[in-house]
Every structure is written in C-alpha cells, then in structure tokens.
Amino acid sequence: MRTRDLLMHGSTGFVQGARADGDLGSPVPGVRVSSVNMTRYALYYTPANDSPWAQAGSSWLGRHHASPEAVEQVQIPGIPRLLLASLTADARRYGFHATLKAPFRLFEGFTEEHLLQMARAFCTTQKAIVLEEVRVRPLMDFLALQVNGPLDEIGGLAMRCVTYFDLLRAPLTEPELAKRRQAGLTARQSTLLQRWGYPYTEEFFRFHMTLTDALMHADADVIYTIRKAAEQHFAVAAASAPLTIDALTIAREEHPGAPFVEWQRIPFSAQSERASLPISGRIFFCVGPSGVGKDSLLNWVREQCANDEQLVFVQRTITRATQGNEEHEAVDTPTFWRLAASGQFAMVWQANDLCYGVRRGIEADLKAGRDVVINGSRAYVPQLLQAFPDAIVVWIEANENILRERLEARQREEGPALLKRLKRAKEFVPSTQGQVIRLDNSGPLDVAGHKLLDILRERK
C-alpha cells in the first residue's frame, strides 16, 4: 500500500510505502498504455528558483526542481552519503515541491499550448498564500515539510487546480485504475478516483513537501538523525523568508521514470483580494445562407483583429480541399470520422454532403477566457445551444436579390442548382433560443464588418 494511501486510511508511525507525490509511478511492467504521448504533467507549488527555500530543497534532495541534473547533496554527520542518497531517491525524482494536481497525460485534442494558456489565465485570478509554521514532521513512513495553515486557503487553491485543469486530463487506463483500486479505496475515494483521476482530493488533500522516501527499513537512530538535520537545514531558509505559495509550476515528465522537471513557473497576479477562477470566454457562432458573404466578412474581421490574443478565429476541419479565401484543415471522410471517434472534436455537423468539425482545443481557449469565433451552420444551432447554452449566434442575412447576385457571380451553380440554393436560404429562420444577433450584410463589406467588430468587442 502506498504512503498516501496509508495516510488517507489514518495509519500512524513509519510504515512501508512508496511515495506521497500523488502519482501511480511508472506504468505496470509489461502493460501497454494506450496513449501515444507518454509525457506527463503535474501542477506543483515550487519556490522561486533563486530563493533560500529552493536552494535548501535542492541541496537536501540532491537535485534542483528546475533541472534533471544532480547537484551536491547536503552532508549529515553520521549518515553515509550513499545511505542519504538512497533514502531520498524517489523524492529526488519528483523534486522539491508540493502537489496541487497529480500527474496526468493530456487528453486527445489538447496540446501543451492549451495547458500553458489555461495556466496563465488561472494565475491571474490567484493570490499568494503565506504558509504558517512550516516544520519538518513525519507523514506516515516519510518526512515532509508541513504547515499549520491557512489550511482552507491552501485546500481551496488545490481544489481550484483540480477542477479547472481537469478538462485537459486524459482518463486513466484500466491498468492504472486497477493499480489504484488495489490500495483498498473507500467508496468515497473510488468516487473521487473516477471523477478526478486521483482519489485523494477534496477532503483527503494534505499539503506537504516530501523530503525522504519510505523510512520503514531505516534504523530508528538514522531516522532521528535525518529528521534533526532536516529541521536545522530548513530553519535557515525559514529565517530568511516565509514560505509563500506565489506561483503555479507546471512540471513535466518526458517519459516514464524520468525526473519531473519544472517547465513553466507562472506567478500569481490576482487583482482581487479573493481568489477565483478565470471568467470563461464566449462562443460567437456565425451562420448564414450561401451567398450572404459570411466567409468574406469573417476574413475581413479576422484581419482587423490580428493582434487580439483574446479572440480566436477557429480553423474548421472539412472533408474537402481548400478553395478560394477559405482556410481550413482538409481531411478525407474516413480520417474525419476516425478523429471524431477519438474525441478530437467539440462540434460536428454535416452540410452539402460534407463533414465539418471544430477541434476540442476551443474548450481550453474558452476556459482561458478567450472568445471563440466559429464559421458555423444554421442547421447545427439547436445542437450548439444544447452543448453551449451561453453561445452567441450571429445570424448573417442579406436581401434575396443580393443573395442571387452573389451566387450568380460565384458561377458555381446555375439553373435548378441555383434555385435550390436560393430555396435553401429561406428554409431556416433565426432561433428563438439563446442569444441571437441578426446582422445585415446586404451592403459594403466594411459596414457589416464594423458591426461585427462591435459585437465581438462588447465582451465581458
């Protein structure tokens, strides 16, 4: 049974275990994990790299959390170097840190850039927490830095990390779930495992910074000597500056068994006294019949917003080659449905014998507070509003004569085909559900363009 497992069952004393890093460890030998990308990420608190606390932690463990390379480890009188190195080997792999969200792989459709965008947005709404009474204490079978408070603030930060970033987390594999269940979880912990991919969240969370591995096999005198040395070692840092959770660290494990290394450390910068979560962005779903000039209108607006990092113009995935001024990801039909089956799309619709998809990355953009503009379909509006009730539908219109002139100028259809297009333009009427904004594009492009710009800029 692992250290954290023992902790949550209320065991006492130094008992044999593994780690308290919130991790399953390397995959089960001989079991193939289905995810192609084996890189894992964890959300940590780590002290600033040049701080006394970071220096104390790196010299204690023998590795700085921002580098995979070993550094000279502290010498403890009476404790052989090899013994101390052995008793801190696992802790050294994870580095000097406190876990806020346990290690996870990115779910299909999400990238490191999505993780980074969300982390930056998250940190703008968090405030620093000064930790009280930081002391070296036994935590089941290992030693760790622990605190007396403020526990509610610390727990709240951890839970915000768990919930906000869970969108990006790939589900645990069956072998990983089975290994967790071997620890003898309670019904409540099993529920948390299914919900968050880790059973020791919410009321089971304990803030700590691991200093040793399991000490079950160590002599009592060795344990006492190491503990006293750790108390003296970290007392120097405590005298220099308070330990303060003032940033979120994204740590990365490149492959199973590799050290977790700081990838990004993002300072907290909340303007409010109360920490919160970022305000989600909004979807602007632009629809209209063929000939209404929707593509030209969106391209014009995109050029005007080229420097607006908070506005995303979505590139659709379509089962046709690119044409004209359209920019999309072109795939064949079998590839499209393979992507859909693997969960790559947030939206899927079909029109004019073609398949359209919107990649899941927009969900991360929205969580990061970015507004998303989608070139959509009128027929998909009911499904859109069911999945995203707060979406704003921009219903682009033009009078019938203008539609006919534009369709004829395209020279794609004539005769019955053209009449069919014109008839289809009348088949849909603006939805009465959700927020629908009607936009007339019968005149010059820049006139409607400025109206759409005003709609997009009236945000939050």
Foldseek 3Di string as FASTA:
>chain_A
DALLLCLLVPDDDFDDHWDDQLDPAFFDPPDDDPDPQQKKKFKWFDPPCPALRQVLQLQLLQHRQADLDGHHHDDFPPADPVRSNVFRVVLSLAGFTWTLAHMFDFAPQDDVVLVVLQQQLQLQQDAKDFFADFAWDDRHQFIWTATDDPVVNSLVSSVCVQPLCQVGGDADDPSSLVSVCVSPDDPQLNVCCRVRVGSQHDPNDGTITTRTTGCPVPDPVVVVSSRVVSRVSCVVSCVVDTDMRFWMWMWMANHRPGGTHTDDTGGHNYPDPDGDAGQFAAEEEEEAAQQLCPVVLVVVLCVVCVPPPLEAEFAKEKQDDDDDPHGHNHDHDVVVVVCVVSPQFPDWDDDPNMIIGTGPSVVSSRSSHGYYYYHHYLVCVVVCCVSPVQHEYEYEDEDLVSSLVRVVVVVPDDDPVSVVSSVVRPPGDDDPGHHYHYFYRHDDSVVSSVVVVVVVVPTD
